[in-house]
C-alpha atoms as a PDB file:
ATOM      1  CA  MET A   1      -7.749  16.606  -3.628  1.00  0.00           C
ATOM      2  CA  ALA A   2      -6.057  18.411  -0.736  1.00  0.00           C
ATOM      3  CA  GLU A   3      -8.717  17.116   1.671  1.00  0.00           C
ATOM      4  CA  GLN A   4      -8.220  13.545   0.450  1.00  0.00           C
ATOM      5  CA  LEU A   5      -4.459  13.767   0.858  1.00  0.00           C
ATOM      6  CA  ASP A   6      -4.826  15.316   4.314  1.00  0.00           C
ATOM      7  CA  HIS A   7      -7.150  12.465   5.279  1.00  0.00           C
ATOM      8  CA  LEU A   8      -4.672   9.901   3.932  1.00  0.00           C
ATOM      9  CA  ALA A   9      -1.844  11.495   5.906  1.00  0.00           C
ATOM     10  CA  GLU A  10      -4.006  11.525   9.037  1.00  0.00           C
ATOM     11  CA  GLN A  11      -4.998   7.868   8.641  1.00  0.00           C
ATOM     12  CA  SER A  12      -1.406   6.847   7.959  1.00  0.00           C
ATOM     13  CA  MET A  13      -0.515   7.924  11.490  1.00  0.00           C
ATOM     14  CA  ARG A  14      -2.638   5.083  12.880  1.00  0.00           C
ATOM     15  CA  GLU A  15      -0.630   2.175  14.232  1.00  0.00           C
ATOM     16  CA  HIS A  16      -2.225  -0.467  11.998  1.00  0.00           C
ATOM     17  CA  VAL A  17      -2.065   1.560   8.755  1.00  0.00           C
ATOM     18  CA  GLN A  18       0.976   1.556   6.507  1.00  0.00           C
ATOM     19  CA  VAL A  19       1.241   4.003   3.635  1.00  0.00           C
ATOM     20  CA  HIS A  20       4.309   3.875   1.425  1.00  0.00           C
ATOM     21  CA  VAL A  21       4.676   6.027  -1.683  1.00  0.00           C
ATOM     22  CA  VAL A  22       6.616   4.502  -4.555  1.00  0.00           C
ATOM     23  CA  PRO A  23       8.389   7.268  -6.488  1.00  0.00           C
ATOM     24  CA  VAL A  24       7.729   7.436 -10.194  1.00  0.00           C
ATOM     25  CA  ASP A  25      11.458   7.029 -10.893  1.00  0.00           C
ATOM     26  CA  ALA A  26      11.238   3.449  -9.557  1.00  0.00           C
ATOM     27  CA  GLY A  27      10.167   2.515 -13.083  1.00  0.00           C
ATOM     28  CA  MET A  28       8.692  -0.921 -13.708  1.00  0.00           C
ATOM     29  CA  TYR A  29       8.535  -3.150 -10.627  1.00  0.00           C
ATOM     30  CA  LEU A  30       6.477  -6.141  -9.513  1.00  0.00           C
ATOM     31  CA  GLY A  31       3.997  -4.052  -7.542  1.00  0.00           C
ATOM     32  CA  LEU A  32       2.523  -2.665 -10.761  1.00  0.00           C
ATOM     33  CA  ALA A  33       0.951  -6.064 -11.526  1.00  0.00           C
ATOM     34  CA  GLY A  34      -2.132  -5.219  -9.450  1.00  0.00           C
ATOM     35  CA  GLN A  35      -3.382  -4.185  -6.066  1.00  0.00           C
ATOM     36  CA  PHE A  36      -3.855  -6.450  -3.083  1.00  0.00           C
ATOM     37  CA  ILE A  37      -4.424  -6.373   0.649  1.00  0.00           C
ATOM     38  CA  ILE A  38      -2.998  -8.849   3.141  1.00  0.00           C
ATOM     39  CA  ALA A  39      -4.871  -9.230   6.421  1.00  0.00           C
ATOM     40  CA  GLU A  40      -3.748 -11.076   9.518  1.00  0.00           C
ATOM     41  CA  LEU A  41      -6.589 -12.682  11.452  1.00  0.00           C
ATOM     42  CA  PRO A  42      -6.778 -12.919  15.253  1.00  0.00           C
ATOM     43  CA  ASP A  43      -5.638 -16.558  15.112  1.00  0.00           C
ATOM     44  CA  GLY A  44      -2.492 -15.564  13.181  1.00  0.00           C
ATOM     45  CA  ALA A  45      -3.689 -16.884   9.812  1.00  0.00           C
ATOM     46  CA  ARG A  46      -3.300 -14.568   6.851  1.00  0.00           C
ATOM     47  CA  VAL A  47      -5.658 -14.018   3.938  1.00  0.00           C
ATOM     48  CA  ALA A  48      -5.449 -11.659   1.019  1.00  0.00           C
ATOM     49  CA  HIS A  49      -7.775  -9.770  -1.275  1.00  0.00           C
ATOM     50  CA  ALA A  50      -6.462  -9.378  -4.813  1.00  0.00           C
ATOM     51  CA  ASP A  51      -8.179  -6.963  -7.159  1.00  0.00           C
ATOM     52  CA  ASN A  52      -7.983  -5.912 -10.786  1.00  0.00           C
ATOM     53  CA  GLN A  53     -10.210  -4.129 -13.290  1.00  0.00           C
ATOM     54  CA  LEU A  54     -12.208  -7.252 -14.121  1.00  0.00           C
ATOM     55  CA  ASN A  55     -12.648  -9.047 -10.820  1.00  0.00           C
ATOM     56  CA  ALA A  56     -11.524  -9.536  -7.265  1.00  0.00           C
ATOM     57  CA  GLN A  57     -10.759 -12.653  -5.281  1.00  0.00           C
ATOM     58  CA  ILE A  58     -10.123 -13.782  -1.744  1.00  0.00           C
ATOM     59  CA  VAL A  59      -6.801 -15.612  -1.486  1.00  0.00           C
ATOM     60  CA  ASP A  60      -6.410 -18.031   1.406  1.00  0.00           C
ATOM     61  CA  ALA A  61      -4.001 -20.683   0.104  1.00  0.00           C
ATOM     62  CA  PRO A  62      -0.872 -20.275   2.257  1.00  0.00           C
ATOM     63  CA  ALA A  63       1.489 -20.467  -0.735  1.00  0.00           C
ATOM     64  CA  ASP A  64      -0.433 -17.749  -2.586  1.00  0.00           C
ATOM     65  CA  VAL A  65      -0.609 -15.481   0.470  1.00  0.00           C
ATOM     66  CA  ALA A  66       3.144 -15.998   0.976  1.00  0.00           C
ATOM     67  CA  ARG A  67       3.744 -15.010  -2.659  1.00  0.00           C
ATOM     68  CA  LEU A  68       1.779 -11.800  -2.162  1.00  0.00           C
ATOM     69  CA  ALA A  69       3.725 -11.129   1.049  1.00  0.00           C
ATOM     70  CA  ARG A  70       6.977 -11.406  -0.941  1.00  0.00           C
ATOM     71  CA  THR A  71       5.528  -9.032  -3.531  1.00  0.00           C
ATOM     72  CA  TRP A  72       4.709  -6.567  -0.729  1.00  0.00           C
ATOM     73  CA  GLU A  73       8.334  -6.707   0.415  1.00  0.00           C
ATOM     74  CA  ILE A  74       9.439  -5.870  -3.149  1.00  0.00           C
ATOM     75  CA  VAL A  75       7.047  -2.904  -3.169  1.00  0.00           C
ATOM     76  CA  ARG A  76       8.361  -1.701   0.196  1.00  0.00           C
ATOM     77  CA  ASN A  77      11.929  -1.957  -1.087  1.00  0.00           C
ATOM     78  CA  GLU A  78      11.026   0.448  -3.907  1.00  0.00           C
ATOM     79  CA  ALA A  79       8.957   2.765  -1.696  1.00  0.00           C
ATOM     80  CA  LEU A  80       9.905   5.728   0.407  1.00  0.00           C
ATOM     81  CA  SER A  81       9.980   5.140   4.149  1.00  0.00           C
ATOM     82  CA  ARG A  82       6.744   5.622   6.069  1.00  0.00           C
ATOM     83  CA  ARG A  83       7.931   9.003   7.390  1.00  0.00           C
ATOM     84  CA  GLN A  84       9.098  10.172   3.949  1.00  0.00           C
ATOM     85  CA  SER A  85       5.825   9.015   2.397  1.00  0.00           C
ATOM     86  CA  ILE A  86       3.725  10.934   4.928  1.00  0.00           C
ATOM     87  CA  GLU A  87       5.855  14.066   4.468  1.00  0.00           C
ATOM     88  CA  LEU A  88       5.476  13.840   0.682  1.00  0.00           C
ATOM     89  CA  ILE A  89       1.709  13.378   0.958  1.00  0.00           C
ATOM     90  CA  LYS A  90       1.453  16.458   3.199  1.00  0.00           C
ATOM     91  CA  GLU A  91       3.647  18.466   0.823  1.00  0.00           C
ATOM     92  CA  VAL A  92       1.531  17.522  -2.192  1.00  0.00           C
ATOM     93  CA  ALA A  93      -1.646  18.323  -0.230  1.00  0.00           C
ATOM     94  CA  LYS A  94      -0.336  21.856   0.345  1.00  0.00           C
ATOM     95  CA  SER A  95       0.274  22.286  -3.382  1.00  0.00           C
ATOM     96  CA  TRP A  96      -3.384  21.386  -4.054  1.00  0.00           C
ATOM     97  CA  SER A  97      -4.721  23.892  -1.539  1.00  0.00           C
ATOM     98  CA  ARG A  98      -3.053  26.929  -3.074  1.00  0.00           C
END
C-alpha cells in the first residue's frame, strides 16, 4: 500500500494530474454518486467517462458533460487543497511502511 500511495503522490505532482482527497468528515455529498473522468480534447471539446459497478459510458452531450463538470466543482469544494491532499497521501504512505 505504501508503494501505491507513494506512486500516487509522485503522479499528482505532474502538471496535468489533479488529486484531491475528500475527508471522511465531509459526510454525504454529490461526488459519492459515482466516479467519472472529464477530458478536454485538443480542439477544446470536452467528453467524459462515467463508470459504476455495472457499466461504463462515454458522455459527449454538452449538457451532460457540463453537469459532470458542476459535480466536479462540488467535489473540489469538499476536498482538501491539492497541496494538503498530497501531504496527507505522503503521511498515510509513511504509516503503511512502518
